[in-house]
């Protein structure tokens, strides 16, 4: 599901953008400053490492490593 078709095509997730501040980017293709939420220009290339993700919560279980031993 990483490369699904429903990715938000915004400048903040493009490989051609460099972060200047929290809300501003520098587009290397067009050599201008753009906002993080600007729609793509047609030359959008998705960079998975620019997407912010949340960590999954750890499951709270009552198991110990002893429960999984074969002894």
PDB file of N, CA and C in Angstrom:
ATOM      1  N   UNK A   1       0.803  -1.194   0.000  1.00  0.00           N
ATOM      2  CA  UNK A   1       0.000   0.000   0.000  1.00  0.00           C
ATOM      3  C   UNK A   1       0.858   1.274   0.000  1.00  0.00           C
ATOM      4  N   UNK A   2       2.158   1.126  -0.051  1.00  0.00           N
ATOM      5  CA  UNK A   2       3.036   2.289  -0.022  1.00  0.00           C
ATOM      6  C   UNK A   2       2.864   3.130  -1.280  1.00  0.00           C
ATOM      7  N   UNK A   3       2.793   2.493  -2.413  1.00  0.00           N
ATOM      8  CA  UNK A   3       2.701   3.212  -3.676  1.00  0.00           C
ATOM      9  C   UNK A   3       1.296   3.135  -4.249  1.00  0.00           C
ATOM     10  N   UNK A   4       0.297   3.365  -3.441  1.00  0.00           N
ATOM     11  CA  UNK A   4      -1.075   3.310  -3.914  1.00  0.00           C
ATOM     12  C   UNK A   4      -1.406   4.562  -4.727  1.00  0.00           C
ATOM     13  N   UNK A   5      -2.520   4.521  -5.447  1.00  0.00           N
ATOM     14  CA  UNK A   5      -2.912   5.632  -6.301  1.00  0.00           C
ATOM     15  C   UNK A   5      -3.497   6.819  -5.549  1.00  0.00           C
ATOM     16  N   UNK A   6      -3.833   6.648  -4.274  1.00  0.00           N
ATOM     17  CA  UNK A   6      -4.473   7.726  -3.524  1.00  0.00           C
ATOM     18  C   UNK A   6      -3.484   8.555  -2.705  1.00  0.00           C
ATOM     19  N   UNK A   7      -2.267   8.694  -3.165  1.00  0.00           N
ATOM     20  CA  UNK A   7      -1.256   9.518  -2.492  1.00  0.00           C
ATOM     21  C   UNK A   7      -1.581  10.980  -2.756  1.00  0.00           C
ATOM     22  N   UNK A   8      -1.477  11.801  -1.725  1.00  0.00           N
ATOM     23  CA  UNK A   8      -1.663  13.245  -1.914  1.00  0.00           C
ATOM     24  C   UNK A   8      -0.505  13.771  -2.750  1.00  0.00           C
ATOM     25  N   UNK A   9      -0.811  14.267  -3.909  1.00  0.00           N
ATOM     26  CA  UNK A   9       0.212  14.767  -4.816  1.00  0.00           C
ATOM     27  C   UNK A   9       0.476  16.240  -4.499  1.00  0.00           C
ATOM     28  N   UNK A  10       1.267  16.471  -3.455  1.00  0.00           N
ATOM     29  CA  UNK A  10       1.617  17.819  -3.030  1.00  0.00           C
ATOM     30  C   UNK A  10       3.135  17.973  -3.082  1.00  0.00           C
ATOM     31  N   UNK A  11       3.570  19.201  -3.151  1.00  0.00           N
ATOM     32  CA  UNK A  11       5.007  19.478  -3.264  1.00  0.00           C
ATOM     33  C   UNK A  11       5.796  18.971  -2.057  1.00  0.00           C
ATOM     34  N   UNK A  12       5.161  18.870  -0.920  1.00  0.00           N
ATOM     35  CA  UNK A  12       5.849  18.420   0.281  1.00  0.00           C
ATOM     36  C   UNK A  12       6.311  16.982   0.219  1.00  0.00           C
ATOM     37  N   UNK A  13       5.769  16.169  -0.683  1.00  0.00           N
ATOM     38  CA  UNK A  13       6.142  14.762  -0.808  1.00  0.00           C
ATOM     39  C   UNK A  13       6.913  14.468  -2.092  1.00  0.00           C
ATOM     40  N   UNK A  14       7.347  15.489  -2.794  1.00  0.00           N
ATOM     41  CA  UNK A  14       8.022  15.323  -4.084  1.00  0.00           C
ATOM     42  C   UNK A  14       9.535  15.210  -3.897  1.00  0.00           C
ATOM     43  N   UNK A  15      10.173  14.430  -4.755  1.00  0.00           N
ATOM     44  CA  UNK A  15      11.630  14.283  -4.679  1.00  0.00           C
ATOM     45  C   UNK A  15      12.371  15.533  -5.126  1.00  0.00           C
ATOM     46  N   UNK A  16      11.711  16.407  -5.858  1.00  0.00           N
ATOM     47  CA  UNK A  16      12.359  17.603  -6.391  1.00  0.00           C
ATOM     48  C   UNK A  16      12.293  18.802  -5.442  1.00  0.00           C
ATOM     49  N   UNK A  17      11.810  18.598  -4.230  1.00  0.00           N
ATOM     50  CA  UNK A  17      11.684  19.718  -3.295  1.00  0.00           C
ATOM     51  C   UNK A  17      12.662  19.580  -2.137  1.00  0.00           C
ATOM     52  N   UNK A  18      13.152  20.709  -1.678  1.00  0.00           N
ATOM     53  CA  UNK A  18      14.033  20.772  -0.513  1.00  0.00           C
ATOM     54  C   UNK A  18      13.372  21.645   0.538  1.00  0.00           C
ATOM     55  N   UNK A  19      13.414  21.220   1.776  1.00  0.00           N
ATOM     56  CA  UNK A  19      12.736  21.928   2.860  1.00  0.00           C
ATOM     57  C   UNK A  19      13.525  23.167   3.272  1.00  0.00           C
ATOM     58  N   UNK A  20      12.852  24.312   3.287  1.00  0.00           N
ATOM     59  CA  UNK A  20      13.459  25.553   3.774  1.00  0.00           C
ATOM     60  C   UNK A  20      13.024  25.819   5.205  1.00  0.00           C
ATOM     61  N   UNK A  21      11.715  25.874   5.420  1.00  0.00           N
ATOM     62  CA  UNK A  21      11.137  26.038   6.749  1.00  0.00           C
ATOM     63  C   UNK A  21      10.019  25.019   6.897  1.00  0.00           C
ATOM     64  N   UNK A  22       9.248  25.116   7.978  1.00  0.00           N
ATOM     65  CA  UNK A  22       8.151  24.182   8.205  1.00  0.00           C
ATOM     66  C   UNK A  22       7.055  24.302   7.151  1.00  0.00           C
ATOM     67  N   UNK A  23       6.886  25.475   6.562  1.00  0.00           N
ATOM     68  CA  UNK A  23       5.797  25.666   5.608  1.00  0.00           C
ATOM     69  C   UNK A  23       6.276  26.058   4.204  1.00  0.00           C
ATOM     70  N   UNK A  24       7.571  26.104   3.983  1.00  0.00           N
ATOM     71  CA  UNK A  24       8.089  26.517   2.678  1.00  0.00           C
ATOM     72  C   UNK A  24       9.103  25.510   2.148  1.00  0.00           C
ATOM     73  N   UNK A  25       9.079  25.327   0.835  1.00  0.00           N
ATOM     74  CA  UNK A  25       9.993  24.432   0.149  1.00  0.00           C
ATOM     75  C   UNK A  25      10.661  25.156  -1.010  1.00  0.00           C
ATOM     76  N   UNK A  26      11.733  24.586  -1.485  1.00  0.00           N
ATOM     77  CA  UNK A  26      12.405  25.109  -2.684  1.00  0.00           C
ATOM     78  C   UNK A  26      12.307  24.034  -3.760  1.00  0.00           C
ATOM     79  N   UNK A  27      11.664  24.357  -4.873  1.00  0.00           N
ATOM     80  CA  UNK A  27      11.507  23.424  -5.992  1.00  0.00           C
ATOM     81  C   UNK A  27      12.752  23.501  -6.857  1.00  0.00           C
ATOM     82  N   UNK A  28      13.447  22.372  -7.027  1.00  0.00           N
ATOM     83  CA  UNK A  28      14.664  22.360  -7.835  1.00  0.00           C
ATOM     84  C   UNK A  28      14.370  22.396  -9.328  1.00  0.00           C
ATOM     85  N   UNK A  29      13.207  21.929  -9.745  1.00  0.00           N
ATOM     86  CA  UNK A  29      12.864  21.944 -11.170  1.00  0.00           C
ATOM     87  C   UNK A  29      12.549  23.348 -11.665  1.00  0.00           C
ATOM     88  N   UNK A  30      11.714  24.057 -10.904  1.00  0.00           N
ATOM     89  CA  UNK A  30      11.267  25.382 -11.332  1.00  0.00           C
ATOM     90  C   UNK A  30      12.063  26.516 -10.689  1.00  0.00           C
ATOM     91  N   UNK A  31      12.951  26.166  -9.780  1.00  0.00           N
ATOM     92  CA  UNK A  31      13.818  27.131  -9.088  1.00  0.00           C
ATOM     93  C   UNK A  31      13.018  28.260  -8.444  1.00  0.00           C
ATOM     94  N   UNK A  32      12.003  27.863  -7.653  1.00  0.00           N
ATOM     95  CA  UNK A  32      11.210  28.860  -6.935  1.00  0.00           C
ATOM     96  C   UNK A  32      10.753  28.279  -5.609  1.00  0.00           C
ATOM     97  N   UNK A  33      10.360  29.164  -4.710  1.00  0.00           N
ATOM     98  CA  UNK A  33       9.846  28.737  -3.414  1.00  0.00           C
ATOM     99  C   UNK A  33       8.363  28.426  -3.529  1.00  0.00           C
ATOM    100  N   UNK A  34       7.945  27.344  -2.904  1.00  0.00           N
ATOM    101  CA  UNK A  34       6.550  26.923  -2.927  1.00  0.00           C
ATOM    102  C   UNK A  34       6.132  26.540  -1.516  1.00  0.00           C
ATOM    103  N   UNK A  35       4.828  26.418  -1.326  1.00  0.00           N
ATOM    104  CA  UNK A  35       4.291  25.989  -0.043  1.00  0.00           C
ATOM    105  C   UNK A  35       4.297  24.464   0.022  1.00  0.00           C
ATOM    106  N   UNK A  36       4.279  23.929   1.231  1.00  0.00           N
ATOM    107  CA  UNK A  36       4.267  22.486   1.429  1.00  0.00           C
ATOM    108  C   UNK A  36       2.994  21.873   0.854  1.00  0.00           C
ATOM    109  N   UNK A  37       1.887  22.596   0.909  1.00  0.00           N
ATOM    110  CA  UNK A  37       0.603  22.051   0.489  1.00  0.00           C
ATOM    111  C   UNK A  37       0.230  22.403  -0.944  1.00  0.00           C
ATOM    112  N   UNK A  38       1.109  23.006  -1.709  1.00  0.00           N
ATOM    113  CA  UNK A  38       0.798  23.320  -3.104  1.00  0.00           C
ATOM    114  C   UNK A  38       0.572  22.036  -3.896  1.00  0.00           C
ATOM    115  N   UNK A  39      -0.376  22.047  -4.828  1.00  0.00           N
ATOM    116  CA  UNK A  39      -0.577  20.860  -5.672  1.00  0.00           C
ATOM    117  C   UNK A  39       0.617  20.660  -6.603  1.00  0.00           C
ATOM    118  N   UNK A  40       0.733  19.451  -7.122  1.00  0.00           N
ATOM    119  CA  UNK A  40       1.911  19.151  -7.944  1.00  0.00           C
ATOM    120  C   UNK A  40       1.869  19.894  -9.279  1.00  0.00           C
ATOM    121  N   UNK A  41       3.013  20.009  -9.900  1.00  0.00           N
ATOM    122  CA  UNK A  41       3.141  20.754 -11.149  1.00  0.00           C
ATOM    123  C   UNK A  41       3.048  19.856 -12.375  1.00  0.00           C
ATOM    124  N   UNK A  42       2.876  18.580 -12.196  1.00  0.00           N
ATOM    125  CA  UNK A  42       2.822  17.647 -13.310  1.00  0.00           C
ATOM    126  C   UNK A  42       4.063  16.786 -13.407  1.00  0.00           C
ATOM    127  N   UNK A  43       5.119  17.167 -12.718  1.00  0.00           N
ATOM    128  CA  UNK A  43       6.364  16.391 -12.722  1.00  0.00           C
ATOM    129  C   UNK A  43       6.605  15.788 -11.344  1.00  0.00           C
ATOM    130  N   UNK A  44       5.533  15.452 -10.660  1.00  0.00           N
ATOM    131  CA  UNK A  44       5.580  14.917  -9.309  1.00  0.00           C
ATOM    132  C   UNK A  44       6.215  13.533  -9.305  1.00  0.00           C
ATOM    133  N   UNK A  45       7.189  13.349  -8.411  1.00  0.00           N
ATOM    134  CA  UNK A  45       7.774  12.038  -8.151  1.00  0.00           C
ATOM    135  C   UNK A  45       7.725  11.824  -6.644  1.00  0.00           C
ATOM    136  N   UNK A  46       7.055  10.768  -6.244  1.00  0.00           N
ATOM    137  CA  UNK A  46       6.805  10.493  -4.828  1.00  0.00           C
ATOM    138  C   UNK A  46       8.076  10.070  -4.113  1.00  0.00           C
ATOM    139  N   UNK A  47       8.346  10.683  -2.968  1.00  0.00           N
ATOM    140  CA  UNK A  47       9.474  10.316  -2.115  1.00  0.00           C
ATOM    141  C   UNK A  47       8.901   9.801  -0.805  1.00  0.00           C
ATOM    142  N   UNK A  48       8.992   8.503  -0.584  1.00  0.00           N
ATOM    143  CA  UNK A  48       8.380   7.874   0.577  1.00  0.00           C
ATOM    144  C   UNK A  48       8.996   8.377   1.887  1.00  0.00           C
ATOM    145  N   UNK A  49      10.242   8.804   1.873  1.00  0.00           N
ATOM    146  CA  UNK A  49      10.916   9.227   3.091  1.00  0.00           C
ATOM    147  C   UNK A  49      10.493  10.613   3.561  1.00  0.00           C
ATOM    148  N   UNK A  50       9.777  11.361   2.751  1.00  0.00           N
ATOM    149  CA  UNK A  50       9.298  12.680   3.162  1.00  0.00           C
ATOM    150  C   UNK A  50       7.938  12.624   3.845  1.00  0.00           C
ATOM    151  N   UNK A  51       7.291  11.479   3.815  1.00  0.00           N
ATOM    152  CA  UNK A  51       5.984  11.332   4.441  1.00  0.00           C
ATOM    153  C   UNK A  51       6.168  11.071   5.932  1.00  0.00           C
ATOM    154  N   UNK A  52       5.437  11.809   6.763  1.00  0.00           N
ATOM    155  CA  UNK A  52       5.523  11.587   8.195  1.00  0.00           C
ATOM    156  C   UNK A  52       4.584  10.456   8.576  1.00  0.00           C
ATOM    157  N   UNK A  53       5.076   9.554   9.380  1.00  0.00           N
ATOM    158  CA  UNK A  53       4.285   8.403   9.799  1.00  0.00           C
ATOM    159  C   UNK A  53       4.262   8.329  11.317  1.00  0.00           C
ATOM    160  N   UNK A  54       3.235   7.679  11.814  1.00  0.00           N
ATOM    161  CA  UNK A  54       3.142   7.463  13.254  1.00  0.00           C
ATOM    162  C   UNK A  54       3.520   6.017  13.552  1.00  0.00           C
ATOM    163  N   UNK A  55       4.136   5.820  14.680  1.00  0.00           N
ATOM    164  CA  UNK A  55       4.470   4.462  15.092  1.00  0.00           C
ATOM    165  C   UNK A  55       3.216   3.755  15.579  1.00  0.00           C
ATOM    166  N   UNK A  56       3.181   2.462  15.367  1.00  0.00           N
ATOM    167  CA  UNK A  56       2.066   1.676  15.863  1.00  0.00           C
ATOM    168  C   UNK A  56       2.179   1.522  17.370  1.00  0.00           C
ATOM    169  N   UNK A  57       1.033   1.446  18.016  1.00  0.00           N
ATOM    170  CA  UNK A  57       1.038   1.225  19.453  1.00  0.00           C
ATOM    171  C   UNK A  57       1.455  -0.205  19.742  1.00  0.00           C
ATOM    172  N   UNK A  58       2.175  -0.388  20.830  1.00  0.00           N
ATOM    173  CA  UNK A  58       2.562  -1.730  21.239  1.00  0.00           C
ATOM    174  C   UNK A  58       1.356  -2.429  21.830  1.00  0.00           C
ATOM    175  N   UNK A  59       1.211  -3.686  21.533  1.00  0.00           N
ATOM    176  CA  UNK A  59       0.128  -4.469  22.100  1.00  0.00           C
ATOM    177  C   UNK A  59       0.438  -4.807  23.545  1.00  0.00           C
ATOM    178  N   UNK A  60      -0.547  -4.662  24.392  1.00  0.00           N
ATOM    179  CA  UNK A  60      -0.371  -5.007  25.796  1.00  0.00           C
ATOM    180  C   UNK A  60      -0.883  -6.429  25.986  1.00  0.00           C
ATOM    181  N   UNK A  61       0.050  -7.336  26.161  1.00  0.00           N
ATOM    182  CA  UNK A  61      -0.309  -8.737  26.368  1.00  0.00           C
ATOM    183  C   UNK A  61       0.319  -9.212  27.666  1.00  0.00           C
ATOM    184  N   UNK A  62      -0.187 -10.303  28.159  1.00  0.00           N
ATOM    185  CA  UNK A  62       0.336 -10.859  29.414  1.00  0.00           C
ATOM    186  C   UNK A  62       1.311 -11.991  29.176  1.00  0.00           C
ATOM    187  N   UNK A  63       1.924 -12.068  27.985  1.00  0.00           N
ATOM    188  CA  UNK A  63       2.834 -13.159  27.671  1.00  0.00           C
ATOM    189  C   UNK A  63       4.252 -12.851  28.116  1.00  0.00           C
ATOM    190  N   UNK A  64       4.969 -13.903  28.482  1.00  0.00           N
ATOM    191  CA  UNK A  64       6.385 -13.845  28.814  1.00  0.00           C
ATOM    192  C   UNK A  64       7.145 -14.661  27.786  1.00  0.00           C
ATOM    193  N   UNK A  65       8.468 -14.452  27.680  1.00  0.00           N
ATOM    194  CA  UNK A  65       9.256 -15.317  26.793  1.00  0.00           C
ATOM    195  C   UNK A  65       9.169 -16.781  27.202  1.00  0.00           C
ATOM    196  N   UNK A  66       8.917 -17.067  28.486  1.00  0.00           N
ATOM    197  CA  UNK A  66       8.783 -18.457  28.951  1.00  0.00           C
ATOM    198  C   UNK A  66       7.572 -19.129  28.328  1.00  0.00           C
ATOM    199  N   UNK A  67       6.562 -18.374  28.002  1.00  0.00           N
ATOM    200  CA  UNK A  67       5.349 -18.944  27.402  1.00  0.00           C
ATOM    201  C   UNK A  67       5.621 -19.521  26.003  1.00  0.00           C
ATOM    202  N   UNK A  68       6.680 -19.059  25.360  1.00  0.00           N
ATOM    203  CA  UNK A  68       6.991 -19.501  24.013  1.00  0.00           C
ATOM    204  C   UNK A  68       8.154 -20.487  23.942  1.00  0.00           C
ATOM    205  N   UNK A  69       8.696 -20.859  25.083  1.00  0.00           N
ATOM    206  CA  UNK A  69       9.797 -21.820  25.086  1.00  0.00           C
ATOM    207  C   UNK A  69       9.236 -23.241  24.931  1.00  0.00           C
ATOM    208  N   UNK A  70      10.084 -24.135  24.438  1.00  0.00           N
ATOM    209  CA  UNK A  70       9.669 -25.525  24.214  1.00  0.00           C
ATOM    210  C   UNK A  70       9.932 -26.428  25.407  1.00  0.00           C
ATOM    211  N   UNK A  71      10.503 -25.911  26.442  1.00  0.00           N
ATOM    212  CA  UNK A  71      10.798 -26.725  27.640  1.00  0.00           C
ATOM    213  C   UNK A  71       9.626 -26.824  28.569  1.00  0.00           C
TER     214      UNK A  71
END
